[in-house]
C-alpha atoms as a PDB file:
ATOM      1  CA  UNK A   1     -35.998 -14.114 -17.884  1.00  0.00           C
ATOM      2  CA  UNK A   2     -34.664 -10.809 -16.596  1.00  0.00           C
ATOM      3  CA  UNK A   3     -36.649  -7.687 -17.472  1.00  0.00           C
ATOM      4  CA  UNK A   4     -35.008  -5.530 -20.122  1.00  0.00           C
ATOM      5  CA  UNK A   5     -35.600  -1.773 -19.923  1.00  0.00           C
ATOM      6  CA  UNK A   6     -35.213   0.373 -23.031  1.00  0.00           C
ATOM      7  CA  UNK A   7     -33.417   3.717 -22.663  1.00  0.00           C
ATOM      8  CA  UNK A   8     -34.007   4.141 -18.912  1.00  0.00           C
ATOM      9  CA  UNK A   9     -31.735   7.180 -18.737  1.00  0.00           C
ATOM     10  CA  UNK A  10     -33.912   9.186 -21.119  1.00  0.00           C
ATOM     11  CA  UNK A  11     -37.008   9.009 -18.944  1.00  0.00           C
ATOM     12  CA  UNK A  12     -35.118   9.193 -15.644  1.00  0.00           C
ATOM     13  CA  UNK A  13     -33.204  12.351 -16.530  1.00  0.00           C
ATOM     14  CA  UNK A  14     -36.299  14.106 -17.839  1.00  0.00           C
ATOM     15  CA  UNK A  15     -38.305  13.272 -14.711  1.00  0.00           C
ATOM     16  CA  UNK A  16     -35.443  14.502 -12.536  1.00  0.00           C
ATOM     17  CA  UNK A  17     -34.653  17.696 -14.446  1.00  0.00           C
ATOM     18  CA  UNK A  18     -38.215  18.985 -14.754  1.00  0.00           C
ATOM     19  CA  UNK A  19     -38.455  18.937 -10.955  1.00  0.00           C
ATOM     20  CA  UNK A  20     -35.237  20.944 -10.659  1.00  0.00           C
ATOM     21  CA  UNK A  21     -35.232  24.063 -12.866  1.00  0.00           C
ATOM     22  CA  UNK A  22     -31.642  24.915 -11.850  1.00  0.00           C
ATOM     23  CA  UNK A  23     -30.488  21.687 -13.496  1.00  0.00           C
ATOM     24  CA  UNK A  24     -29.212  22.357 -17.012  1.00  0.00           C
ATOM     25  CA  UNK A  25     -28.688  19.706 -19.654  1.00  0.00           C
ATOM     26  CA  UNK A  26     -25.469  20.205 -21.665  1.00  0.00           C
ATOM     27  CA  UNK A  27     -24.654  18.233 -24.794  1.00  0.00           C
ATOM     28  CA  UNK A  28     -21.466  17.997 -26.849  1.00  0.00           C
ATOM     29  CA  UNK A  29     -22.922  17.033 -30.226  1.00  0.00           C
ATOM     30  CA  UNK A  30     -23.974  13.537 -29.043  1.00  0.00           C
ATOM     31  CA  UNK A  31     -27.501  14.410 -27.997  1.00  0.00           C
ATOM     32  CA  UNK A  32     -29.378  11.421 -29.384  1.00  0.00           C
ATOM     33  CA  UNK A  33     -26.475   9.079 -28.586  1.00  0.00           C
ATOM     34  CA  UNK A  34     -26.786  10.083 -24.922  1.00  0.00           C
ATOM     35  CA  UNK A  35     -30.602   9.720 -24.946  1.00  0.00           C
ATOM     36  CA  UNK A  36     -31.362  13.401 -24.274  1.00  0.00           C
ATOM     37  CA  UNK A  37     -32.826  14.308 -27.683  1.00  0.00           C
ATOM     38  CA  UNK A  38     -36.370  14.023 -26.338  1.00  0.00           C
ATOM     39  CA  UNK A  39     -35.510  16.264 -23.416  1.00  0.00           C
ATOM     40  CA  UNK A  40     -34.002  18.802 -25.831  1.00  0.00           C
ATOM     41  CA  UNK A  41     -37.210  18.893 -27.855  1.00  0.00           C
ATOM     42  CA  UNK A  42     -39.588  19.120 -24.884  1.00  0.00           C
ATOM     43  CA  UNK A  43     -37.556  21.348 -22.549  1.00  0.00           C
ATOM     44  CA  UNK A  44     -35.399  23.693 -24.647  1.00  0.00           C
ATOM     45  CA  UNK A  45     -35.210  26.207 -21.785  1.00  0.00           C
ATOM     46  CA  UNK A  46     -33.064  23.730 -19.808  1.00  0.00           C
ATOM     47  CA  UNK A  47     -30.966  22.488 -22.739  1.00  0.00           C
ATOM     48  CA  UNK A  48     -27.694  23.828 -24.125  1.00  0.00           C
ATOM     49  CA  UNK A  49     -25.795  22.435 -27.107  1.00  0.00           C
ATOM     50  CA  UNK A  50     -22.086  23.212 -26.916  1.00  0.00           C
ATOM     51  CA  UNK A  51     -21.170  21.390 -30.106  1.00  0.00           C
ATOM     52  CA  UNK A  52     -18.110  19.227 -30.589  1.00  0.00           C
ATOM     53  CA  UNK A  53     -16.085  21.386 -28.184  1.00  0.00           C
ATOM     54  CA  UNK A  54     -15.687  19.525 -24.916  1.00  0.00           C
ATOM     55  CA  UNK A  55     -12.972  21.821 -23.552  1.00  0.00           C
ATOM     56  CA  UNK A  56     -15.270  24.809 -23.885  1.00  0.00           C
ATOM     57  CA  UNK A  57     -18.190  22.831 -22.441  1.00  0.00           C
ATOM     58  CA  UNK A  58     -16.168  21.953 -19.351  1.00  0.00           C
ATOM     59  CA  UNK A  59     -15.107  25.540 -18.671  1.00  0.00           C
ATOM     60  CA  UNK A  60     -18.627  26.771 -19.364  1.00  0.00           C
ATOM     61  CA  UNK A  61     -20.011  24.196 -16.909  1.00  0.00           C
ATOM     62  CA  UNK A  62     -17.653  25.456 -14.244  1.00  0.00           C
ATOM     63  CA  UNK A  63     -19.045  28.946 -14.771  1.00  0.00           C
ATOM     64  CA  UNK A  64     -22.603  27.666 -14.560  1.00  0.00           C
ATOM     65  CA  UNK A  65     -21.746  25.975 -11.272  1.00  0.00           C
ATOM     66  CA  UNK A  66     -20.325  29.231  -9.941  1.00  0.00           C
ATOM     67  CA  UNK A  67     -23.582  30.953 -10.915  1.00  0.00           C
ATOM     68  CA  UNK A  68     -25.633  28.460  -8.890  1.00  0.00           C
ATOM     69  CA  UNK A  69     -26.757  26.100 -11.649  1.00  0.00           C
ATOM     70  CA  UNK A  70     -26.251  22.340 -11.575  1.00  0.00           C
ATOM     71  CA  UNK A  71     -25.088  21.382 -15.084  1.00  0.00           C
ATOM     72  CA  UNK A  72     -25.316  17.766 -16.252  1.00  0.00           C
ATOM     73  CA  UNK A  73     -22.791  17.216 -19.055  1.00  0.00           C
ATOM     74  CA  UNK A  74     -23.623  14.476 -21.557  1.00  0.00           C
ATOM     75  CA  UNK A  75     -21.102  12.824 -23.826  1.00  0.00           C
ATOM     76  CA  UNK A  76     -19.288   9.555 -24.278  1.00  0.00           C
ATOM     77  CA  UNK A  77     -17.192   9.016 -21.179  1.00  0.00           C
ATOM     78  CA  UNK A  78     -13.916   9.186 -23.055  1.00  0.00           C
ATOM     79  CA  UNK A  79     -14.656  12.738 -24.214  1.00  0.00           C
ATOM     80  CA  UNK A  80     -15.249  13.995 -20.682  1.00  0.00           C
ATOM     81  CA  UNK A  81     -11.672  13.561 -19.481  1.00  0.00           C
ATOM     82  CA  UNK A  82      -9.128  12.930 -22.258  1.00  0.00           C
ATOM     83  CA  UNK A  83      -9.704  16.038 -24.346  1.00  0.00           C
ATOM     84  CA  UNK A  84     -10.792  18.556 -21.660  1.00  0.00           C
ATOM     85  CA  UNK A  85      -8.528  17.353 -18.831  1.00  0.00           C
ATOM     86  CA  UNK A  86      -7.001  20.739 -18.019  1.00  0.00           C
ATOM     87  CA  UNK A  87     -10.412  22.440 -17.980  1.00  0.00           C
ATOM     88  CA  UNK A  88     -11.787  19.594 -15.860  1.00  0.00           C
ATOM     89  CA  UNK A  89      -9.102  20.209 -13.253  1.00  0.00           C
ATOM     90  CA  UNK A  90      -9.071  24.015 -13.242  1.00  0.00           C
ATOM     91  CA  UNK A  91     -12.745  24.865 -13.800  1.00  0.00           C
ATOM     92  CA  UNK A  92     -14.548  21.947 -12.126  1.00  0.00           C
ATOM     93  CA  UNK A  93     -12.477  19.807  -9.741  1.00  0.00           C
ATOM     94  CA  UNK A  94     -10.307  22.462  -8.076  1.00  0.00           C
ATOM     95  CA  UNK A  95     -13.204  24.827  -7.209  1.00  0.00           C
ATOM     96  CA  UNK A  96     -15.480  21.844  -6.353  1.00  0.00           C
ATOM     97  CA  UNK A  97     -18.284  22.896  -8.671  1.00  0.00           C
ATOM     98  CA  UNK A  98     -21.521  20.904  -8.645  1.00  0.00           C
ATOM     99  CA  UNK A  99     -20.947  19.613 -12.162  1.00  0.00           C
ATOM    100  CA  UNK A 100     -22.285  16.156 -13.046  1.00  0.00           C
ATOM    101  CA  UNK A 101     -20.370  14.379 -15.809  1.00  0.00           C
ATOM    102  CA  UNK A 102     -22.593  11.723 -17.388  1.00  0.00           C
ATOM    103  CA  UNK A 103     -20.193   9.503 -19.325  1.00  0.00           C
ATOM    104  CA  UNK A 104     -21.783   7.001 -21.690  1.00  0.00           C
ATOM    105  CA  UNK A 105     -20.158   3.939 -23.322  1.00  0.00           C
ATOM    106  CA  UNK A 106     -17.842   3.025 -20.434  1.00  0.00           C
ATOM    107  CA  UNK A 107     -15.033   0.588 -21.191  1.00  0.00           C
ATOM    108  CA  UNK A 108     -15.741  -1.847 -24.000  1.00  0.00           C
ATOM    109  CA  UNK A 109     -19.498  -1.271 -24.233  1.00  0.00           C
ATOM    110  CA  UNK A 110     -18.961   0.252 -27.693  1.00  0.00           C
ATOM    111  CA  UNK A 111     -17.646  -1.286 -30.916  1.00  0.00           C
ATOM    112  CA  UNK A 112     -16.000   2.051 -31.725  1.00  0.00           C
ATOM    113  CA  UNK A 113     -12.483   0.986 -30.779  1.00  0.00           C
ATOM    114  CA  UNK A 114      -9.923   2.914 -28.756  1.00  0.00           C
ATOM    115  CA  UNK A 115     -11.117   6.401 -29.737  1.00  0.00           C
ATOM    116  CA  UNK A 116     -14.497   5.783 -28.091  1.00  0.00           C
ATOM    117  CA  UNK A 117     -13.659   3.336 -25.294  1.00  0.00           C
ATOM    118  CA  UNK A 118     -13.170   4.864 -21.835  1.00  0.00           C
ATOM    119  CA  UNK A 119     -10.917   2.164 -20.422  1.00  0.00           C
ATOM    120  CA  UNK A 120      -8.750   4.238 -18.040  1.00  0.00           C
ATOM    121  CA  UNK A 121     -11.350   6.759 -16.876  1.00  0.00           C
ATOM    122  CA  UNK A 122     -11.723   5.381 -13.348  1.00  0.00           C
ATOM    123  CA  UNK A 123      -7.959   5.486 -12.813  1.00  0.00           C
ATOM    124  CA  UNK A 124      -7.778   9.110 -13.949  1.00  0.00           C
ATOM    125  CA  UNK A 125     -10.886  10.342 -12.157  1.00  0.00           C
ATOM    126  CA  UNK A 126      -9.984   8.497  -8.953  1.00  0.00           C
ATOM    127  CA  UNK A 127      -6.702  10.403  -8.799  1.00  0.00           C
ATOM    128  CA  UNK A 128      -8.365  13.833  -9.088  1.00  0.00           C
ATOM    129  CA  UNK A 129      -8.989  15.570  -5.733  1.00  0.00           C
ATOM    130  CA  UNK A 130     -12.627  16.452  -4.959  1.00  0.00           C
ATOM    131  CA  UNK A 131     -13.952  14.116  -7.692  1.00  0.00           C
ATOM    132  CA  UNK A 132     -16.555  11.448  -6.893  1.00  0.00           C
ATOM    133  CA  UNK A 133     -17.209   8.426  -9.134  1.00  0.00           C
ATOM    134  CA  UNK A 134     -20.400   6.425  -9.622  1.00  0.00           C
ATOM    135  CA  UNK A 135     -20.975   3.516 -12.020  1.00  0.00           C
ATOM    136  CA  UNK A 136     -24.241   1.963 -13.167  1.00  0.00           C
ATOM    137  CA  UNK A 137     -24.667  -1.786 -13.504  1.00  0.00           C
ATOM    138  CA  UNK A 138     -28.348  -2.203 -14.375  1.00  0.00           C
ATOM    139  CA  UNK A 139     -31.522  -0.315 -15.317  1.00  0.00           C
ATOM    140  CA  UNK A 140     -32.422   0.505 -11.714  1.00  0.00           C
ATOM    141  CA  UNK A 141     -29.066   2.149 -11.149  1.00  0.00           C
ATOM    142  CA  UNK A 142     -29.379   4.093 -14.401  1.00  0.00           C
ATOM    143  CA  UNK A 143     -32.820   5.276 -13.272  1.00  0.00           C
ATOM    144  CA  UNK A 144     -31.374   6.490  -9.970  1.00  0.00           C
ATOM    145  CA  UNK A 145     -28.039   7.869 -11.176  1.00  0.00           C
ATOM    146  CA  UNK A 146     -29.223  11.481 -11.503  1.00  0.00           C
ATOM    147  CA  UNK A 147     -30.580  11.680  -7.957  1.00  0.00           C
ATOM    148  CA  UNK A 148     -27.479   9.920  -6.623  1.00  0.00           C
ATOM    149  CA  UNK A 149     -25.038  12.177  -8.452  1.00  0.00           C
ATOM    150  CA  UNK A 150     -26.915  15.315  -7.477  1.00  0.00           C
ATOM    151  CA  UNK A 151     -26.798  14.360  -3.791  1.00  0.00           C
ATOM    152  CA  UNK A 152     -23.022  14.863  -3.788  1.00  0.00           C
ATOM    153  CA  UNK A 153     -21.580  18.269  -2.866  1.00  0.00           C
ATOM    154  CA  UNK A 154     -18.977  18.592  -5.595  1.00  0.00           C
ATOM    155  CA  UNK A 155     -18.176  17.248  -9.061  1.00  0.00           C
ATOM    156  CA  UNK A 156     -19.225  13.710  -9.970  1.00  0.00           C
ATOM    157  CA  UNK A 157     -18.214  11.444 -12.842  1.00  0.00           C
ATOM    158  CA  UNK A 158     -20.746   8.742 -13.758  1.00  0.00           C
ATOM    159  CA  UNK A 159     -20.282   5.692 -15.982  1.00  0.00           C
ATOM    160  CA  UNK A 160     -23.734   5.400 -17.540  1.00  0.00           C
ATOM    161  CA  UNK A 161     -25.207   2.516 -19.525  1.00  0.00           C
ATOM    162  CA  UNK A 162     -27.536   3.233 -22.438  1.00  0.00           C
ATOM    163  CA  UNK A 163     -29.930   1.409 -24.731  1.00  0.00           C
ATOM    164  CA  UNK A 164     -31.591  -1.830 -23.615  1.00  0.00           C
ATOM    165  CA  UNK A 165     -30.417  -2.677 -20.097  1.00  0.00           C
ATOM    166  CA  UNK A 166     -31.304  -5.582 -17.764  1.00  0.00           C
ATOM    167  CA  UNK A 167     -32.940  -4.890 -14.425  1.00  0.00           C
ATOM    168  CA  UNK A 168     -30.871  -6.750 -11.849  1.00  0.00           C
ATOM    169  CA  UNK A 169     -31.641  -4.784  -8.672  1.00  0.00           C
ATOM    170  CA  UNK A 170     -34.780  -3.596  -6.894  1.00  0.00           C
ATOM    171  CA  UNK A 171     -33.347  -0.641  -4.989  1.00  0.00           C
ATOM    172  CA  UNK A 172     -31.713   2.602  -6.162  1.00  0.00           C
ATOM    173  CA  UNK A 173     -28.094   3.621  -5.708  1.00  0.00           C
ATOM    174  CA  UNK A 174     -27.181   4.640  -2.168  1.00  0.00           C
ATOM    175  CA  UNK A 175     -24.014   6.708  -2.431  1.00  0.00           C
ATOM    176  CA  UNK A 176     -21.146   5.319  -0.373  1.00  0.00           C
ATOM    177  CA  UNK A 177     -22.625   1.845   0.009  1.00  0.00           C
ATOM    178  CA  UNK A 178     -22.122  -1.443  -1.862  1.00  0.00           C
ATOM    179  CA  UNK A 179     -24.553  -4.196  -2.803  1.00  0.00           C
ATOM    180  CA  UNK A 180     -24.162  -7.534  -1.029  1.00  0.00           C
ATOM    181  CA  UNK A 181     -25.366 -10.019  -3.643  1.00  0.00           C
ATOM    182  CA  UNK A 182     -24.118 -13.231  -2.022  1.00  0.00           C
ATOM    183  CA  UNK A 183     -22.534 -13.993   1.344  1.00  0.00           C
ATOM    184  CA  UNK A 184     -20.424 -17.106   0.792  1.00  0.00           C
ATOM    185  CA  UNK A 185     -17.299 -18.005   2.715  1.00  0.00           C
ATOM    186  CA  UNK A 186     -14.632 -19.164   0.223  1.00  0.00           C
ATOM    187  CA  UNK A 187     -13.910 -16.394  -2.309  1.00  0.00           C
ATOM    188  CA  UNK A 188     -14.909 -12.733  -2.366  1.00  0.00           C
ATOM    189  CA  UNK A 189     -15.872 -11.538  -5.855  1.00  0.00           C
ATOM    190  CA  UNK A 190     -15.964  -7.758  -6.364  1.00  0.00           C
ATOM    191  CA  UNK A 191     -17.550  -6.436  -9.562  1.00  0.00           C
ATOM    192  CA  UNK A 192     -18.806  -3.151 -10.978  1.00  0.00           C
ATOM    193  CA  UNK A 193     -20.810  -2.067 -14.009  1.00  0.00           C
ATOM    194  CA  UNK A 194     -21.443  -4.702 -16.675  1.00  0.00           C
ATOM    195  CA  UNK A 195     -19.003  -7.106 -14.987  1.00  0.00           C
ATOM    196  CA  UNK A 196     -21.648  -7.813 -12.343  1.00  0.00           C
ATOM    197  CA  UNK A 197     -23.888  -9.450 -14.929  1.00  0.00           C
ATOM    198  CA  UNK A 198     -21.021 -11.769 -15.833  1.00  0.00           C
ATOM    199  CA  UNK A 199     -20.489 -12.726 -12.193  1.00  0.00           C
ATOM    200  CA  UNK A 200     -24.179 -13.502 -11.830  1.00  0.00           C
ATOM    201  CA  UNK A 201     -23.851 -15.876 -14.785  1.00  0.00           C
ATOM    202  CA  UNK A 202     -21.065 -17.774 -13.046  1.00  0.00           C
ATOM    203  CA  UNK A 203     -22.414 -17.998  -9.507  1.00  0.00           C
ATOM    204  CA  UNK A 204     -24.753 -20.998  -9.869  1.00  0.00           C
ATOM    205  CA  UNK A 205     -22.115 -23.016 -11.682  1.00  0.00           C
ATOM    206  CA  UNK A 206     -19.552 -22.180  -9.007  1.00  0.00           C
ATOM    207  CA  UNK A 207     -21.978 -23.164  -6.272  1.00  0.00           C
ATOM    208  CA  UNK A 208     -22.627 -26.488  -7.990  1.00  0.00           C
ATOM    209  CA  UNK A 209     -18.858 -26.992  -8.129  1.00  0.00           C
ATOM    210  CA  UNK A 210     -18.653 -26.519  -4.373  1.00  0.00           C
ATOM    211  CA  UNK A 211     -17.209 -22.990  -4.322  1.00  0.00           C
ATOM    212  CA  UNK A 212     -18.928 -20.634  -1.870  1.00  0.00           C
ATOM    213  CA  UNK A 213     -18.948 -17.109  -3.346  1.00  0.00           C
ATOM    214  CA  UNK A 214     -19.348 -13.817  -1.498  1.00  0.00           C
ATOM    215  CA  UNK A 215     -20.288 -11.242  -4.139  1.00  0.00           C
ATOM    216  CA  UNK A 216     -20.158  -7.452  -3.873  1.00  0.00           C
ATOM    217  CA  UNK A 217     -21.400  -5.039  -6.531  1.00  0.00           C
ATOM    218  CA  UNK A 218     -19.737  -1.621  -6.423  1.00  0.00           C
ATOM    219  CA  UNK A 219     -21.625   1.416  -7.721  1.00  0.00           C
ATOM    220  CA  UNK A 220     -19.795   4.019  -5.611  1.00  0.00           C
ATOM    221  CA  UNK A 221     -16.117   3.880  -6.502  1.00  0.00           C
ATOM    222  CA  UNK A 222     -15.236   7.158  -4.787  1.00  0.00           C
ATOM    223  CA  UNK A 223     -15.974   7.739  -1.918  1.00  0.00           C
ATOM    224  CA  UNK A 224     -15.499   4.078  -1.050  1.00  0.00           C
ATOM    225  CA  UNK A 225     -16.598   2.067   2.011  1.00  0.00           C
ATOM    226  CA  UNK A 226     -13.197   0.774   3.098  1.00  0.00           C
ATOM    227  CA  UNK A 227     -14.239  -0.832   6.386  1.00  0.00           C
ATOM    228  CA  UNK A 228     -17.153  -2.685   4.794  1.00  0.00           C
ATOM    229  CA  UNK A 229     -14.783  -4.168   2.222  1.00  0.00           C
ATOM    230  CA  UNK A 230     -12.315  -5.237   4.918  1.00  0.00           C
ATOM    231  CA  UNK A 231     -15.126  -6.940   6.827  1.00  0.00           C
ATOM    232  CA  UNK A 232     -16.120  -8.905   3.729  1.00  0.00           C
ATOM    233  CA  UNK A 233     -12.521  -9.883   2.985  1.00  0.00           C
ATOM    234  CA  UNK A 234     -12.218 -11.107   6.556  1.00  0.00           C
ATOM    235  CA  UNK A 235     -15.277 -13.315   6.036  1.00  0.00           C
ATOM    236  CA  UNK A 236     -13.747 -15.449   3.258  1.00  0.00           C
ATOM    237  CA  UNK A 237     -11.023 -18.058   3.616  1.00  0.00           C
ATOM    238  CA  UNK A 238      -9.381 -18.191   0.178  1.00  0.00           C
ATOM    239  CA  UNK A 239      -8.989 -14.715  -1.306  1.00  0.00           C
ATOM    240  CA  UNK A 240     -10.424 -11.995  -3.552  1.00  0.00           C
ATOM    241  CA  UNK A 241     -11.169 -11.681  -7.275  1.00  0.00           C
ATOM    242  CA  UNK A 242     -12.031  -8.322  -8.849  1.00  0.00           C
ATOM    243  CA  UNK A 243     -13.640  -8.190 -12.317  1.00  0.00           C
ATOM    244  CA  UNK A 244     -14.098  -4.816 -14.005  1.00  0.00           C
ATOM    245  CA  UNK A 245     -14.732  -3.198 -17.383  1.00  0.00           C
ATOM    246  CA  UNK A 246     -11.497  -1.200 -17.229  1.00  0.00           C
ATOM    247  CA  UNK A 247      -7.742  -1.639 -17.386  1.00  0.00           C
ATOM    248  CA  UNK A 248      -6.430  -3.486 -14.341  1.00  0.00           C
ATOM    249  CA  UNK A 249      -4.195  -0.521 -13.427  1.00  0.00           C
ATOM    250  CA  UNK A 250      -5.889   2.134 -11.335  1.00  0.00           C
ATOM    251  CA  UNK A 251      -9.459   0.860 -11.309  1.00  0.00           C
ATOM    252  CA  UNK A 252     -11.521  -1.037  -8.748  1.00  0.00           C
ATOM    253  CA  UNK A 253      -8.933  -3.821  -8.585  1.00  0.00           C
ATOM    254  CA  UNK A 254      -6.232  -1.306  -7.688  1.00  0.00           C
ATOM    255  CA  UNK A 255      -8.561   0.272  -5.134  1.00  0.00           C
ATOM    256  CA  UNK A 256      -9.070  -3.111  -3.464  1.00  0.00           C
ATOM    257  CA  UNK A 257      -5.334  -3.837  -3.617  1.00  0.00           C
ATOM    258  CA  UNK A 258      -4.516  -0.513  -1.962  1.00  0.00           C
ATOM    259  CA  UNK A 259      -6.955  -1.128   0.869  1.00  0.00           C
ATOM    260  CA  UNK A 260      -5.649  -4.654   1.425  1.00  0.00           C
ATOM    261  CA  UNK A 261      -2.009  -3.498   1.421  1.00  0.00           C
ATOM    262  CA  UNK A 262      -2.592  -0.521   3.716  1.00  0.00           C
ATOM    263  CA  UNK A 263      -4.385  -2.769   6.213  1.00  0.00           C
ATOM    264  CA  UNK A 264      -1.877  -5.655   5.997  1.00  0.00           C
ATOM    265  CA  UNK A 265      -4.451  -8.117   4.670  1.00  0.00           C
ATOM    266  CA  UNK A 266      -2.442 -11.165   3.619  1.00  0.00           C
ATOM    267  CA  UNK A 267      -4.823 -12.924   1.224  1.00  0.00           C
ATOM    268  CA  UNK A 268      -4.462 -13.632  -2.504  1.00  0.00           C
ATOM    269  CA  UNK A 269      -5.923 -11.094  -4.919  1.00  0.00           C
ATOM    270  CA  UNK A 270      -6.644 -11.605  -8.624  1.00  0.00           C
ATOM    271  CA  UNK A 271      -7.463  -8.523 -10.724  1.00  0.00           C
ATOM    272  CA  UNK A 272      -9.320  -9.161 -13.970  1.00  0.00           C
ATOM    273  CA  UNK A 273      -9.697  -6.488 -16.631  1.00  0.00           C
ATOM    274  CA  UNK A 274      -7.886  -5.185 -19.684  1.00  0.00           C
ATOM    275  CA  UNK A 275      -4.219  -6.123 -19.361  1.00  0.00           C
ATOM    276  CA  UNK A 276      -2.179  -3.068 -20.441  1.00  0.00           C
ATOM    277  CA  UNK A 277      -3.885  -2.961 -23.825  1.00  0.00           C
ATOM    278  CA  UNK A 278      -6.320  -0.922 -25.859  1.00  0.00           C
ATOM    279  CA  UNK A 279      -9.328  -2.824 -27.176  1.00  0.00           C
ATOM    280  CA  UNK A 280     -10.322  -3.061 -30.810  1.00  0.00           C
ATOM    281  CA  UNK A 281     -13.849  -2.783 -32.203  1.00  0.00           C
ATOM    282  CA  UNK A 282     -16.387  -5.577 -31.855  1.00  0.00           C
ATOM    283  CA  UNK A 283     -19.553  -6.635 -30.091  1.00  0.00           C
ATOM    284  CA  UNK A 284     -19.628  -6.452 -26.323  1.00  0.00           C
ATOM    285  CA  UNK A 285     -19.846 -10.235 -25.883  1.00  0.00           C
ATOM    286  CA  UNK A 286     -16.920 -10.829 -28.216  1.00  0.00           C
ATOM    287  CA  UNK A 287     -14.755  -8.165 -26.593  1.00  0.00           C
ATOM    288  CA  UNK A 288     -15.464  -9.359 -23.056  1.00  0.00           C
ATOM    289  CA  UNK A 289     -14.474 -12.909 -23.973  1.00  0.00           C
ATOM    290  CA  UNK A 290     -11.453 -11.875 -26.051  1.00  0.00           C
ATOM    291  CA  UNK A 291     -10.008  -9.644 -23.332  1.00  0.00           C
ATOM    292  CA  UNK A 292     -10.887 -11.830 -20.349  1.00  0.00           C
ATOM    293  CA  UNK A 293     -13.724  -9.802 -18.826  1.00  0.00           C
ATOM    294  CA  UNK A 294     -16.514 -12.409 -18.959  1.00  0.00           C
ATOM    295  CA  UNK A 295     -17.874 -15.155 -16.735  1.00  0.00           C
ATOM    296  CA  UNK A 296     -15.333 -17.652 -18.055  1.00  0.00           C
ATOM    297  CA  UNK A 297     -12.454 -15.385 -17.100  1.00  0.00           C
ATOM    298  CA  UNK A 298     -13.954 -14.977 -13.641  1.00  0.00           C
ATOM    299  CA  UNK A 299     -14.113 -18.752 -13.187  1.00  0.00           C
ATOM    300  CA  UNK A 300     -10.470 -19.088 -14.212  1.00  0.00           C
ATOM    301  CA  UNK A 301      -9.541 -16.338 -11.764  1.00  0.00           C
ATOM    302  CA  UNK A 302     -11.351 -18.113  -8.947  1.00  0.00           C
ATOM    303  CA  UNK A 303      -9.568 -21.341  -9.862  1.00  0.00           C
ATOM    304  CA  UNK A 304      -6.262 -19.507  -9.402  1.00  0.00           C
ATOM    305  CA  UNK A 305      -7.370 -18.448  -5.930  1.00  0.00           C
ATOM    306  CA  UNK A 306      -8.523 -21.903  -4.787  1.00  0.00           C
ATOM    307  CA  UNK A 307      -5.731 -23.773  -6.568  1.00  0.00           C
ATOM    308  CA  UNK A 308      -8.046 -26.277  -8.210  1.00  0.00           C
ATOM    309  CA  UNK A 309     -10.150 -26.780 -11.330  1.00  0.00           C
ATOM    310  CA  UNK A 310     -13.903 -26.328 -10.995  1.00  0.00           C
ATOM    311  CA  UNK A 311     -14.714 -28.261 -14.167  1.00  0.00           C
ATOM    312  CA  UNK A 312     -16.915 -25.385 -15.347  1.00  0.00           C
ATOM    313  CA  UNK A 313     -16.859 -25.003 -19.140  1.00  0.00           C
ATOM    314  CA  UNK A 314     -18.246 -22.447 -21.578  1.00  0.00           C
ATOM    315  CA  UNK A 315     -21.352 -24.540 -22.204  1.00  0.00           C
ATOM    316  CA  UNK A 316     -22.315 -24.366 -18.543  1.00  0.00           C
ATOM    317  CA  UNK A 317     -21.865 -20.600 -18.523  1.00  0.00           C
ATOM    318  CA  UNK A 318     -23.722 -20.062 -21.794  1.00  0.00           C
ATOM    319  CA  UNK A 319     -26.817 -21.673 -20.296  1.00  0.00           C
ATOM    320  CA  UNK A 320     -26.726 -19.071 -17.514  1.00  0.00           C
ATOM    321  CA  UNK A 321     -27.024 -15.991 -19.737  1.00  0.00           C
ATOM    322  CA  UNK A 322     -28.944 -13.250 -17.941  1.00  0.00           C
ATOM    323  CA  UNK A 323     -30.586 -12.404 -21.232  1.00  0.00           C
ATOM    324  CA  UNK A 324     -29.569 -13.855 -24.569  1.00  0.00           C
ATOM    325  CA  UNK A 325     -30.561 -10.839 -26.677  1.00  0.00           C
ATOM    326  CA  UNK A 326     -28.822  -8.361 -24.403  1.00  0.00           C
ATOM    327  CA  UNK A 327     -25.645 -10.313 -23.812  1.00  0.00           C
ATOM    328  CA  UNK A 328     -24.980 -12.314 -26.964  1.00  0.00           C
ATOM    329  CA  UNK A 329     -26.655 -10.599 -29.888  1.00  0.00           C
ATOM    330  CA  UNK A 330     -27.153  -6.878 -29.351  1.00  0.00           C
ATOM    331  CA  UNK A 331     -24.200  -4.627 -30.243  1.00  0.00           C
ATOM    332  CA  UNK A 332     -24.465  -0.910 -29.460  1.00  0.00           C
ATOM    333  CA  UNK A 333     -24.065   1.366 -32.439  1.00  0.00           C
ATOM    334  CA  UNK A 334     -22.223   4.642 -32.082  1.00  0.00           C
END
């Protein structure tokens, strides 16, 4: 059974911020929902509540960066780019301020429906000059996200997981690198965020079916290690499958496609994610299955690459749950 860690961001941010008095914690009326209510109560001198006014918070953060502070903005990811986009560009990205945007509830990790689901955030942030992008996939990466983000000279957008999170990795995020989780020779699987847990569910079944999987977990989406990816693609014979908690347009799948096209890599690519649709409300497990983001969808994508059926059914994948409570039962509240 995989270890589950409760609210790792809360303790990690507090430990980080108390060591760095020029770090300021900004909240946009979602303080407890972003696990910084304890920090607010214990360290009011480093906490600022900007209310439900994200545009003002973004401009204010740019000013704090100009004054030498390192503001960490906390909100649901969707509220850090849709509403304050102009302020994000003019006050943060253009002047390259050291502003850290901690975006919670990435993709379909919330039952809140389209108003709360950041499903196109990677596409938008990836297109913004000077912006870096990090994404957490387990408790260890959540625990190291503050240090990783703060090591970057410029603005950073982070997709942060909250609540009870599995610990999948032993080492912290190393900006610019990728995790090599398996080094098979048939199909390269590239995942990020919560999609990595789904790929881990499928790997044993795929191995038993005779499919050799090379698996990469991406936590640094921008800047990206292009040559490392090309080396891995060159090490598999069949092709590449990308699974991500995001629309297929503009995310990690598009990033991989761009690199393959620009380097004339003639291998099949399957991109799995939301297909030009908004998602409705529901539990994470239900939404991932309904929209084709789970282990079953990954298996079907690999079958398209190899041109054959693996014989892997839902029962086989259900028995490989990383953690039943986390994956099948627990639904994050708003």
